[in-house]
C-alpha atoms as a PDB file:
ATOM      1  CA  UNK A   1     -16.748  71.373 -31.711  1.00  0.00           C
ATOM      2  CA  UNK A   2     -13.183  70.328 -32.299  1.00  0.00           C
ATOM      3  CA  UNK A   3     -10.545  72.222 -30.017  1.00  0.00           C
ATOM      4  CA  UNK A   4      -8.297  74.368 -32.042  1.00  0.00           C
ATOM      5  CA  UNK A   5      -4.922  72.879 -31.277  1.00  0.00           C
ATOM      6  CA  UNK A   6      -2.245  75.175 -29.952  1.00  0.00           C
ATOM      7  CA  UNK A   7       0.249  74.274 -32.260  1.00  0.00           C
ATOM      8  CA  UNK A   8      -1.635  74.961 -35.579  1.00  0.00           C
ATOM      9  CA  UNK A   9       0.368  77.686 -36.757  1.00  0.00           C
ATOM     10  CA  UNK A  10       3.252  76.156 -36.893  1.00  0.00           C
ATOM     11  CA  UNK A  11       2.430  72.862 -38.196  1.00  0.00           C
ATOM     12  CA  UNK A  12       0.744  75.299 -41.186  1.00  0.00           C
ATOM     13  CA  UNK A  13       4.137  76.367 -41.792  1.00  0.00           C
ATOM     14  CA  UNK A  14       5.488  73.076 -42.955  1.00  0.00           C
ATOM     15  CA  UNK A  15       3.944  71.210 -46.375  1.00  0.00           C
ATOM     16  CA  UNK A  16       1.857  68.573 -45.889  1.00  0.00           C
ATOM     17  CA  UNK A  17       0.825  65.371 -48.284  1.00  0.00           C
ATOM     18  CA  UNK A  18      -1.801  62.252 -47.878  1.00  0.00           C
ATOM     19  CA  UNK A  19      -0.316  59.044 -49.448  1.00  0.00           C
ATOM     20  CA  UNK A  20      -1.932  55.543 -49.458  1.00  0.00           C
ATOM     21  CA  UNK A  21       0.005  52.308 -49.523  1.00  0.00           C
ATOM     22  CA  UNK A  22      -0.863  48.393 -49.385  1.00  0.00           C
ATOM     23  CA  UNK A  23       1.076  46.857 -46.471  1.00  0.00           C
ATOM     24  CA  UNK A  24       0.347  43.057 -45.550  1.00  0.00           C
ATOM     25  CA  UNK A  25      -3.347  43.637 -46.449  1.00  0.00           C
ATOM     26  CA  UNK A  26      -3.893  47.075 -44.952  1.00  0.00           C
ATOM     27  CA  UNK A  27      -4.394  49.824 -46.892  1.00  0.00           C
ATOM     28  CA  UNK A  28      -2.268  52.139 -44.887  1.00  0.00           C
ATOM     29  CA  UNK A  29      -2.322  55.575 -44.962  1.00  0.00           C
ATOM     30  CA  UNK A  30       0.365  57.904 -44.324  1.00  0.00           C
ATOM     31  CA  UNK A  31       1.431  61.718 -44.180  1.00  0.00           C
ATOM     32  CA  UNK A  32       4.452  63.187 -44.968  1.00  0.00           C
ATOM     33  CA  UNK A  33       6.112  66.345 -43.593  1.00  0.00           C
ATOM     34  CA  UNK A  34       8.295  68.345 -44.643  1.00  0.00           C
ATOM     35  CA  UNK A  35      10.247  69.037 -47.516  1.00  0.00           C
ATOM     36  CA  UNK A  36      10.958  65.766 -49.690  1.00  0.00           C
ATOM     37  CA  UNK A  37      14.614  67.319 -50.268  1.00  0.00           C
ATOM     38  CA  UNK A  38      15.514  67.295 -46.020  1.00  0.00           C
ATOM     39  CA  UNK A  39      18.309  66.059 -45.205  1.00  0.00           C
ATOM     40  CA  UNK A  40      17.007  63.279 -42.632  1.00  0.00           C
ATOM     41  CA  UNK A  41      13.312  61.951 -42.763  1.00  0.00           C
ATOM     42  CA  UNK A  42      12.418  60.242 -40.084  1.00  0.00           C
ATOM     43  CA  UNK A  43       9.315  57.390 -39.945  1.00  0.00           C
ATOM     44  CA  UNK A  44       6.901  57.386 -37.049  1.00  0.00           C
ATOM     45  CA  UNK A  45       5.097  54.802 -34.798  1.00  0.00           C
ATOM     46  CA  UNK A  46       2.657  56.061 -33.099  1.00  0.00           C
ATOM     47  CA  UNK A  47       0.810  54.847 -29.562  1.00  0.00           C
ATOM     48  CA  UNK A  48      -1.703  52.445 -28.876  1.00  0.00           C
ATOM     49  CA  UNK A  49      -5.686  53.299 -29.860  1.00  0.00           C
ATOM     50  CA  UNK A  50      -4.016  57.092 -31.273  1.00  0.00           C
ATOM     51  CA  UNK A  51      -3.053  57.891 -34.705  1.00  0.00           C
ATOM     52  CA  UNK A  52      -0.809  59.859 -36.877  1.00  0.00           C
ATOM     53  CA  UNK A  53      -1.888  63.203 -35.427  1.00  0.00           C
ATOM     54  CA  UNK A  54      -0.563  62.406 -32.240  1.00  0.00           C
ATOM     55  CA  UNK A  55       2.904  63.531 -32.716  1.00  0.00           C
ATOM     56  CA  UNK A  56       1.701  66.733 -34.993  1.00  0.00           C
ATOM     57  CA  UNK A  57       2.916  68.438 -32.206  1.00  0.00           C
ATOM     58  CA  UNK A  58       6.497  67.192 -32.036  1.00  0.00           C
ATOM     59  CA  UNK A  59       6.747  67.810 -35.850  1.00  0.00           C
ATOM     60  CA  UNK A  60       5.282  71.353 -35.401  1.00  0.00           C
ATOM     61  CA  UNK A  61       8.151  72.799 -33.376  1.00  0.00           C
ATOM     62  CA  UNK A  62      10.725  71.438 -36.419  1.00  0.00           C
ATOM     63  CA  UNK A  63      11.747  72.478 -39.314  1.00  0.00           C
ATOM     64  CA  UNK A  64      14.501  70.528 -42.261  1.00  0.00           C
ATOM     65  CA  UNK A  65      14.133  67.316 -41.130  1.00  0.00           C
ATOM     66  CA  UNK A  66      11.237  65.357 -42.591  1.00  0.00           C
ATOM     67  CA  UNK A  67       8.632  63.443 -40.993  1.00  0.00           C
ATOM     68  CA  UNK A  68       6.572  60.590 -42.034  1.00  0.00           C
ATOM     69  CA  UNK A  69       3.308  59.119 -40.199  1.00  0.00           C
ATOM     70  CA  UNK A  70       1.475  56.561 -40.815  1.00  0.00           C
ATOM     71  CA  UNK A  71      -1.484  55.109 -38.929  1.00  0.00           C
ATOM     72  CA  UNK A  72      -0.910  51.709 -37.704  1.00  0.00           C
ATOM     73  CA  UNK A  73      -3.274  48.814 -39.758  1.00  0.00           C
ATOM     74  CA  UNK A  74      -6.409  49.164 -37.584  1.00  0.00           C
ATOM     75  CA  UNK A  75      -6.727  52.745 -36.648  1.00  0.00           C
ATOM     76  CA  UNK A  76      -7.343  55.924 -37.670  1.00  0.00           C
ATOM     77  CA  UNK A  77      -7.428  55.729 -41.694  1.00  0.00           C
ATOM     78  CA  UNK A  78      -5.943  52.464 -42.248  1.00  0.00           C
ATOM     79  CA  UNK A  79      -7.420  49.412 -42.530  1.00  0.00           C
ATOM     80  CA  UNK A  80      -6.515  46.063 -40.594  1.00  0.00           C
ATOM     81  CA  UNK A  81      -4.026  43.849 -41.248  1.00  0.00           C
ATOM     82  CA  UNK A  82      -4.758  40.863 -43.158  1.00  0.00           C
ATOM     83  CA  UNK A  83      -3.649  36.880 -42.068  1.00  0.00           C
ATOM     84  CA  UNK A  84      -1.785  38.552 -39.634  1.00  0.00           C
ATOM     85  CA  UNK A  85      -2.630  39.637 -35.762  1.00  0.00           C
ATOM     86  CA  UNK A  86      -2.103  42.772 -34.644  1.00  0.00           C
ATOM     87  CA  UNK A  87       0.236  41.825 -31.892  1.00  0.00           C
ATOM     88  CA  UNK A  88       3.920  43.361 -31.196  1.00  0.00           C
ATOM     89  CA  UNK A  89       5.335  40.555 -33.960  1.00  0.00           C
ATOM     90  CA  UNK A  90       2.608  41.579 -36.525  1.00  0.00           C
ATOM     91  CA  UNK A  91       2.807  45.227 -36.443  1.00  0.00           C
ATOM     92  CA  UNK A  92       6.896  44.897 -36.253  1.00  0.00           C
ATOM     93  CA  UNK A  93       6.633  43.333 -39.774  1.00  0.00           C
ATOM     94  CA  UNK A  94       4.486  45.538 -40.960  1.00  0.00           C
ATOM     95  CA  UNK A  95       6.450  48.722 -39.856  1.00  0.00           C
ATOM     96  CA  UNK A  96       9.561  47.013 -41.989  1.00  0.00           C
ATOM     97  CA  UNK A  97       7.803  46.218 -44.786  1.00  0.00           C
ATOM     98  CA  UNK A  98       5.589  50.245 -44.618  1.00  0.00           C
ATOM     99  CA  UNK A  99       9.318  51.630 -44.873  1.00  0.00           C
ATOM    100  CA  UNK A 100      11.098  49.002 -47.720  1.00  0.00           C
ATOM    101  CA  UNK A 101       7.760  49.836 -49.839  1.00  0.00           C
ATOM    102  CA  UNK A 102       8.911  53.789 -49.703  1.00  0.00           C
ATOM    103  CA  UNK A 103      12.268  52.996 -50.201  1.00  0.00           C
ATOM    104  CA  UNK A 104      13.762  54.074 -46.902  1.00  0.00           C
ATOM    105  CA  UNK A 105      15.200  50.952 -45.674  1.00  0.00           C
ATOM    106  CA  UNK A 106      19.085  51.643 -44.581  1.00  0.00           C
ATOM    107  CA  UNK A 107      18.198  55.751 -44.734  1.00  0.00           C
ATOM    108  CA  UNK A 108      15.463  56.968 -42.553  1.00  0.00           C
ATOM    109  CA  UNK A 109      15.468  57.472 -38.988  1.00  0.00           C
ATOM    110  CA  UNK A 110      12.814  55.607 -36.999  1.00  0.00           C
ATOM    111  CA  UNK A 111      11.028  56.742 -34.434  1.00  0.00           C
ATOM    112  CA  UNK A 112       8.280  55.156 -32.117  1.00  0.00           C
ATOM    113  CA  UNK A 113       6.244  56.690 -29.275  1.00  0.00           C
ATOM    114  CA  UNK A 114       4.923  54.760 -26.659  1.00  0.00           C
ATOM    115  CA  UNK A 115       3.158  51.083 -28.279  1.00  0.00           C
ATOM    116  CA  UNK A 116       5.005  52.666 -31.004  1.00  0.00           C
ATOM    117  CA  UNK A 117       8.054  52.556 -29.291  1.00  0.00           C
ATOM    118  CA  UNK A 118       7.810  48.337 -29.003  1.00  0.00           C
ATOM    119  CA  UNK A 119       7.137  48.162 -32.335  1.00  0.00           C
ATOM    120  CA  UNK A 120       9.863  49.623 -33.717  1.00  0.00           C
ATOM    121  CA  UNK A 121      12.362  48.379 -31.111  1.00  0.00           C
ATOM    122  CA  UNK A 122      11.344  45.158 -32.231  1.00  0.00           C
ATOM    123  CA  UNK A 123      11.327  45.622 -35.900  1.00  0.00           C
ATOM    124  CA  UNK A 124      15.099  47.141 -35.380  1.00  0.00           C
ATOM    125  CA  UNK A 125      16.289  44.158 -32.722  1.00  0.00           C
ATOM    126  CA  UNK A 126      14.739  41.546 -35.468  1.00  0.00           C
ATOM    127  CA  UNK A 127      16.398  42.912 -38.315  1.00  0.00           C
ATOM    128  CA  UNK A 128      13.129  43.244 -39.917  1.00  0.00           C
ATOM    129  CA  UNK A 129      13.994  47.363 -40.820  1.00  0.00           C
ATOM    130  CA  UNK A 130      17.437  49.316 -41.164  1.00  0.00           C
ATOM    131  CA  UNK A 131      17.569  52.675 -39.599  1.00  0.00           C
ATOM    132  CA  UNK A 132      20.743  54.299 -38.761  1.00  0.00           C
ATOM    133  CA  UNK A 133      19.630  55.642 -35.783  1.00  0.00           C
ATOM    134  CA  UNK A 134      16.559  54.941 -33.497  1.00  0.00           C
ATOM    135  CA  UNK A 135      14.252  57.182 -30.895  1.00  0.00           C
ATOM    136  CA  UNK A 136      11.468  55.770 -28.540  1.00  0.00           C
ATOM    137  CA  UNK A 137       9.484  58.835 -26.781  1.00  0.00           C
ATOM    138  CA  UNK A 138       7.742  57.634 -23.780  1.00  0.00           C
ATOM    139  CA  UNK A 139       8.909  54.312 -24.117  1.00  0.00           C
ATOM    140  CA  UNK A 140       8.104  51.091 -22.272  1.00  0.00           C
ATOM    141  CA  UNK A 141      10.991  49.937 -20.787  1.00  0.00           C
ATOM    142  CA  UNK A 142       9.252  47.273 -18.052  1.00  0.00           C
ATOM    143  CA  UNK A 143       6.099  45.174 -18.396  1.00  0.00           C
ATOM    144  CA  UNK A 144       3.181  46.718 -17.561  1.00  0.00           C
ATOM    145  CA  UNK A 145       1.754  45.103 -14.839  1.00  0.00           C
ATOM    146  CA  UNK A 146       5.066  45.900 -13.063  1.00  0.00           C
ATOM    147  CA  UNK A 147       5.085  49.886 -13.607  1.00  0.00           C
ATOM    148  CA  UNK A 148       3.555  52.070 -11.288  1.00  0.00           C
ATOM    149  CA  UNK A 149      -0.586  51.810 -12.008  1.00  0.00           C
ATOM    150  CA  UNK A 150      -0.277  48.022 -11.891  1.00  0.00           C
ATOM    151  CA  UNK A 151      -3.937  48.269 -10.197  1.00  0.00           C
ATOM    152  CA  UNK A 152      -5.084  50.459 -12.590  1.00  0.00           C
ATOM    153  CA  UNK A 153      -3.510  48.133 -15.340  1.00  0.00           C
ATOM    154  CA  UNK A 154      -4.651  45.165 -14.102  1.00  0.00           C
ATOM    155  CA  UNK A 155      -8.300  47.077 -14.093  1.00  0.00           C
ATOM    156  CA  UNK A 156      -7.967  48.034 -17.979  1.00  0.00           C
ATOM    157  CA  UNK A 157      -6.735  44.082 -18.605  1.00  0.00           C
ATOM    158  CA  UNK A 158     -10.600  43.449 -17.460  1.00  0.00           C
ATOM    159  CA  UNK A 159     -11.886  46.086 -19.434  1.00  0.00           C
ATOM    160  CA  UNK A 160     -10.700  44.763 -22.332  1.00  0.00           C
ATOM    161  CA  UNK A 161     -11.344  41.077 -22.275  1.00  0.00           C
ATOM    162  CA  UNK A 162     -14.836  42.213 -20.852  1.00  0.00           C
ATOM    163  CA  UNK A 163     -15.489  44.255 -23.927  1.00  0.00           C
ATOM    164  CA  UNK A 164     -15.116  40.729 -25.834  1.00  0.00           C
ATOM    165  CA  UNK A 165     -17.548  38.899 -24.095  1.00  0.00           C
ATOM    166  CA  UNK A 166     -20.299  41.382 -25.135  1.00  0.00           C
ATOM    167  CA  UNK A 167     -22.014  41.450 -28.573  1.00  0.00           C
ATOM    168  CA  UNK A 168     -20.337  42.813 -31.010  1.00  0.00           C
ATOM    169  CA  UNK A 169     -21.861  46.048 -30.946  1.00  0.00           C
ATOM    170  CA  UNK A 170     -22.156  46.489 -26.862  1.00  0.00           C
ATOM    171  CA  UNK A 171     -17.963  45.924 -27.053  1.00  0.00           C
ATOM    172  CA  UNK A 172     -17.891  48.428 -29.387  1.00  0.00           C
ATOM    173  CA  UNK A 173     -19.654  50.814 -27.385  1.00  0.00           C
ATOM    174  CA  UNK A 174     -17.928  49.984 -24.439  1.00  0.00           C
ATOM    175  CA  UNK A 175     -14.438  50.596 -26.059  1.00  0.00           C
ATOM    176  CA  UNK A 176     -16.100  53.961 -27.354  1.00  0.00           C
ATOM    177  CA  UNK A 177     -17.269  54.836 -24.245  1.00  0.00           C
ATOM    178  CA  UNK A 178     -17.197  58.425 -23.623  1.00  0.00           C
ATOM    179  CA  UNK A 179     -16.760  58.486 -19.656  1.00  0.00           C
ATOM    180  CA  UNK A 180     -13.667  55.924 -20.121  1.00  0.00           C
ATOM    181  CA  UNK A 181     -11.489  57.947 -22.457  1.00  0.00           C
ATOM    182  CA  UNK A 182     -12.313  61.163 -20.657  1.00  0.00           C
ATOM    183  CA  UNK A 183     -11.369  58.961 -17.329  1.00  0.00           C
ATOM    184  CA  UNK A 184      -8.346  57.717 -19.751  1.00  0.00           C
ATOM    185  CA  UNK A 185      -7.558  61.206 -20.636  1.00  0.00           C
ATOM    186  CA  UNK A 186      -7.746  62.975 -17.431  1.00  0.00           C
ATOM    187  CA  UNK A 187      -5.113  60.405 -15.495  1.00  0.00           C
ATOM    188  CA  UNK A 188      -2.052  60.779 -18.402  1.00  0.00           C
ATOM    189  CA  UNK A 189      -2.671  64.644 -17.849  1.00  0.00           C
ATOM    190  CA  UNK A 190       0.061  66.765 -15.801  1.00  0.00           C
ATOM    191  CA  UNK A 191      -0.155  70.150 -17.146  1.00  0.00           C
ATOM    192  CA  UNK A 192      -2.391  72.255 -15.292  1.00  0.00           C
ATOM    193  CA  UNK A 193      -2.821  74.860 -18.875  1.00  0.00           C
ATOM    194  CA  UNK A 194      -6.873  74.704 -19.633  1.00  0.00           C
ATOM    195  CA  UNK A 195      -6.265  75.023 -22.924  1.00  0.00           C
ATOM    196  CA  UNK A 196      -3.802  72.706 -23.086  1.00  0.00           C
ATOM    197  CA  UNK A 197      -5.679  70.326 -21.036  1.00  0.00           C
ATOM    198  CA  UNK A 198      -9.199  71.320 -23.468  1.00  0.00           C
ATOM    199  CA  UNK A 199      -7.072  70.121 -26.358  1.00  0.00           C
ATOM    200  CA  UNK A 200      -5.624  67.275 -25.283  1.00  0.00           C
ATOM    201  CA  UNK A 201      -9.059  65.668 -23.963  1.00  0.00           C
ATOM    202  CA  UNK A 202     -10.537  67.005 -27.493  1.00  0.00           C
ATOM    203  CA  UNK A 203      -7.924  65.063 -28.990  1.00  0.00           C
ATOM    204  CA  UNK A 204      -8.325  61.478 -27.435  1.00  0.00           C
ATOM    205  CA  UNK A 205     -12.031  61.862 -27.859  1.00  0.00           C
ATOM    206  CA  UNK A 206     -11.649  62.532 -31.687  1.00  0.00           C
ATOM    207  CA  UNK A 207      -9.411  60.012 -32.174  1.00  0.00           C
ATOM    208  CA  UNK A 208      -9.853  57.220 -29.813  1.00  0.00           C
ATOM    209  CA  UNK A 209     -12.896  55.527 -31.505  1.00  0.00           C
ATOM    210  CA  UNK A 210     -11.177  55.397 -34.863  1.00  0.00           C
ATOM    211  CA  UNK A 211     -10.295  51.445 -34.727  1.00  0.00           C
ATOM    212  CA  UNK A 212     -11.101  49.314 -37.070  1.00  0.00           C
ATOM    213  CA  UNK A 213     -13.221  46.800 -35.430  1.00  0.00           C
ATOM    214  CA  UNK A 214     -13.195  45.506 -31.445  1.00  0.00           C
ATOM    215  CA  UNK A 215     -11.203  42.400 -32.269  1.00  0.00           C
ATOM    216  CA  UNK A 216      -8.101  44.518 -33.573  1.00  0.00           C
ATOM    217  CA  UNK A 217      -8.053  47.235 -31.033  1.00  0.00           C
ATOM    218  CA  UNK A 218      -8.090  43.922 -28.188  1.00  0.00           C
ATOM    219  CA  UNK A 219      -5.573  42.279 -30.029  1.00  0.00           C
ATOM    220  CA  UNK A 220      -3.634  45.856 -29.943  1.00  0.00           C
ATOM    221  CA  UNK A 221      -4.278  45.772 -26.170  1.00  0.00           C
ATOM    222  CA  UNK A 222      -2.535  42.508 -25.161  1.00  0.00           C
ATOM    223  CA  UNK A 223       0.056  43.346 -27.495  1.00  0.00           C
ATOM    224  CA  UNK A 224       0.504  46.380 -25.439  1.00  0.00           C
ATOM    225  CA  UNK A 225       0.977  44.425 -21.775  1.00  0.00           C
ATOM    226  CA  UNK A 226       2.650  41.015 -23.498  1.00  0.00           C
ATOM    227  CA  UNK A 227       6.327  42.601 -23.300  1.00  0.00           C
ATOM    228  CA  UNK A 228       8.302  45.812 -23.665  1.00  0.00           C
ATOM    229  CA  UNK A 229      11.043  47.658 -25.309  1.00  0.00           C
ATOM    230  CA  UNK A 230      13.856  45.549 -22.340  1.00  0.00           C
ATOM    231  CA  UNK A 231      12.652  42.023 -23.696  1.00  0.00           C
ATOM    232  CA  UNK A 232      15.031  43.387 -26.890  1.00  0.00           C
ATOM    233  CA  UNK A 233      17.077  46.162 -25.892  1.00  0.00           C
ATOM    234  CA  UNK A 234      20.510  43.897 -25.625  1.00  0.00           C
ATOM    235  CA  UNK A 235      19.782  43.685 -29.120  1.00  0.00           C
ATOM    236  CA  UNK A 236      19.518  47.399 -30.292  1.00  0.00           C
ATOM    237  CA  UNK A 237      23.256  48.422 -30.844  1.00  0.00           C
ATOM    238  CA  UNK A 238      22.831  51.335 -32.993  1.00  0.00           C
ATOM    239  CA  UNK A 239      22.987  54.623 -31.495  1.00  0.00           C
ATOM    240  CA  UNK A 240      19.331  55.464 -29.816  1.00  0.00           C
ATOM    241  CA  UNK A 241      17.776  58.205 -27.971  1.00  0.00           C
ATOM    242  CA  UNK A 242      15.254  57.920 -25.306  1.00  0.00           C
ATOM    243  CA  UNK A 243      13.107  60.227 -23.973  1.00  0.00           C
ATOM    244  CA  UNK A 244      11.244  59.534 -20.852  1.00  0.00           C
ATOM    245  CA  UNK A 245       9.185  61.649 -18.115  1.00  0.00           C
ATOM    246  CA  UNK A 246       9.880  62.494 -14.814  1.00  0.00           C
ATOM    247  CA  UNK A 247       5.341  61.080 -13.569  1.00  0.00           C
ATOM    248  CA  UNK A 248       5.172  58.158 -16.078  1.00  0.00           C
ATOM    249  CA  UNK A 249       2.181  55.974 -14.930  1.00  0.00           C
ATOM    250  CA  UNK A 250       3.369  53.263 -16.920  1.00  0.00           C
ATOM    251  CA  UNK A 251       7.172  53.426 -16.575  1.00  0.00           C
ATOM    252  CA  UNK A 252       9.425  54.476 -13.767  1.00  0.00           C
ATOM    253  CA  UNK A 253      12.638  56.754 -14.427  1.00  0.00           C
ATOM    254  CA  UNK A 254      14.402  53.961 -12.982  1.00  0.00           C
ATOM    255  CA  UNK A 255      13.463  51.780 -15.108  1.00  0.00           C
ATOM    256  CA  UNK A 256      13.947  53.786 -18.265  1.00  0.00           C
ATOM    257  CA  UNK A 257      18.118  53.972 -16.867  1.00  0.00           C
ATOM    258  CA  UNK A 258      17.615  50.339 -16.335  1.00  0.00           C
ATOM    259  CA  UNK A 259      16.724  50.086 -19.932  1.00  0.00           C
ATOM    260  CA  UNK A 260      19.117  52.400 -20.776  1.00  0.00           C
ATOM    261  CA  UNK A 261      21.844  50.412 -19.260  1.00  0.00           C
ATOM    262  CA  UNK A 262      20.749  47.591 -21.687  1.00  0.00           C
ATOM    263  CA  UNK A 263      21.570  49.241 -24.793  1.00  0.00           C
ATOM    264  CA  UNK A 264      24.778  49.402 -26.668  1.00  0.00           C
ATOM    265  CA  UNK A 265      24.393  53.456 -27.857  1.00  0.00           C
ATOM    266  CA  UNK A 266      21.783  55.031 -25.591  1.00  0.00           C
ATOM    267  CA  UNK A 267      21.183  57.937 -24.155  1.00  0.00           C
ATOM    268  CA  UNK A 268      18.505  59.171 -21.736  1.00  0.00           C
ATOM    269  CA  UNK A 269      16.984  62.663 -21.636  1.00  0.00           C
ATOM    270  CA  UNK A 270      14.046  62.647 -19.075  1.00  0.00           C
ATOM    271  CA  UNK A 271      11.741  65.661 -19.258  1.00  0.00           C
ATOM    272  CA  UNK A 272      10.267  66.984 -15.781  1.00  0.00           C
ATOM    273  CA  UNK A 273       6.616  67.676 -14.528  1.00  0.00           C
ATOM    274  CA  UNK A 274       5.196  65.523 -17.051  1.00  0.00           C
ATOM    275  CA  UNK A 275       3.734  62.034 -17.537  1.00  0.00           C
ATOM    276  CA  UNK A 276       2.960  60.115 -20.627  1.00  0.00           C
ATOM    277  CA  UNK A 277       2.316  62.381 -22.948  1.00  0.00           C
ATOM    278  CA  UNK A 278       5.607  63.675 -23.667  1.00  0.00           C
ATOM    279  CA  UNK A 279       3.992  64.691 -27.151  1.00  0.00           C
ATOM    280  CA  UNK A 280       1.360  66.751 -26.135  1.00  0.00           C
ATOM    281  CA  UNK A 281       2.565  68.687 -22.973  1.00  0.00           C
ATOM    282  CA  UNK A 282       5.961  68.779 -23.525  1.00  0.00           C
ATOM    283  CA  UNK A 283       6.396  68.840 -27.323  1.00  0.00           C
ATOM    284  CA  UNK A 284       8.945  71.659 -28.195  1.00  0.00           C
ATOM    285  CA  UNK A 285      11.807  70.310 -25.295  1.00  0.00           C
ATOM    286  CA  UNK A 286      11.493  66.572 -27.274  1.00  0.00           C
ATOM    287  CA  UNK A 287      11.761  68.738 -30.170  1.00  0.00           C
ATOM    288  CA  UNK A 288      14.980  69.666 -28.813  1.00  0.00           C
ATOM    289  CA  UNK A 289      16.141  66.741 -27.804  1.00  0.00           C
ATOM    290  CA  UNK A 290      15.267  65.414 -31.525  1.00  0.00           C
ATOM    291  CA  UNK A 291      17.390  67.708 -33.184  1.00  0.00           C
ATOM    292  CA  UNK A 292      20.489  67.228 -30.858  1.00  0.00           C
ATOM    293  CA  UNK A 293      19.996  63.687 -31.475  1.00  0.00           C
ATOM    294  CA  UNK A 294      19.718  63.696 -35.060  1.00  0.00           C
ATOM    295  CA  UNK A 295      22.476  66.508 -35.370  1.00  0.00           C
ATOM    296  CA  UNK A 296      20.085  68.527 -38.137  1.00  0.00           C
ATOM    297  CA  UNK A 297      17.375  70.372 -38.085  1.00  0.00           C
ATOM    298  CA  UNK A 298      16.254  73.650 -36.328  1.00  0.00           C
ATOM    299  CA  UNK A 299      13.848  74.437 -34.051  1.00  0.00           C
ATOM    300  CA  UNK A 300      10.591  76.959 -35.252  1.00  0.00           C
ATOM    301  CA  UNK A 301      10.916  80.334 -35.292  1.00  0.00           C
ATOM    302  CA  UNK A 302       9.232  81.939 -32.016  1.00  0.00           C
ATOM    303  CA  UNK A 303       8.345  81.528 -28.778  1.00  0.00           C
ATOM    304  CA  UNK A 304       7.277  78.004 -27.377  1.00  0.00           C
ATOM    305  CA  UNK A 305       3.624  77.160 -27.836  1.00  0.00           C
ATOM    306  CA  UNK A 306       1.251  78.260 -25.483  1.00  0.00           C
ATOM    307  CA  UNK A 307       1.008  75.568 -22.712  1.00  0.00           C
ATOM    308  CA  UNK A 308       3.973  73.393 -23.336  1.00  0.00           C
ATOM    309  CA  UNK A 309       6.277  75.197 -20.451  1.00  0.00           C
ATOM    310  CA  UNK A 310       3.640  75.110 -17.844  1.00  0.00           C
ATOM    311  CA  UNK A 311       2.431  72.056 -16.045  1.00  0.00           C
END
């Protein structure tokens, strides 16, 4: 039985519609949140092995901004790309084509979370998409193997590469192993709120196994450790919002500060008492920074959703 989202009531206040568009051989499913006449549209790239649901807690906190959230090719309900590797270059090219296919190039603000921060940063830096502003949540600011959990990352590298050595069915079962996913989920959480912890665990168990095939998910992982946002930071000159976490296991605060300093026009906000799951544990705080950065929209009326203010 799935766990009800603590953010369901707020999200239910927004109009939501699902659509499909063909981009680079991927039948890409995407969701539109909010009114079509909103002053600002934000297009999202989600994290590795996630899908569009992940950022819904942040979207639920906001009013007056339209969000478009696709499932990255090979994840969720989107099919894999054909004739292209699922690496950062491939995803960045797909993202630019996706934005253009919706007629939003040059007008929509771009937001990337975690793995999506690399996809969107590369797309912007290499001119694959044009946007007035860029927002990166839990950005990957330095090489993964240089992060605060480098030993754990090295172990994860072995895990994914080993999965490719097994027969197809056995490899997929390993990648979707309940214990592995639970360990990952627990290692990323910082909140002590029991209801929120149950919800986060349920999200990971529900969606982390929704990938098209083993090769795609392993290619995606190799992409996630192959580079980082800092590699293209100096090529990003548009106003950029960085929302980082005090206890992120992937990127340290000094690395976030270094990333900010590499960019021409970047502002950094570090949220305390949270790790790599800002979108689940501190969505209202993230929404406040986004609204201030955009200069439009407002917070949903009412008190913060249960669990978002306790760590």
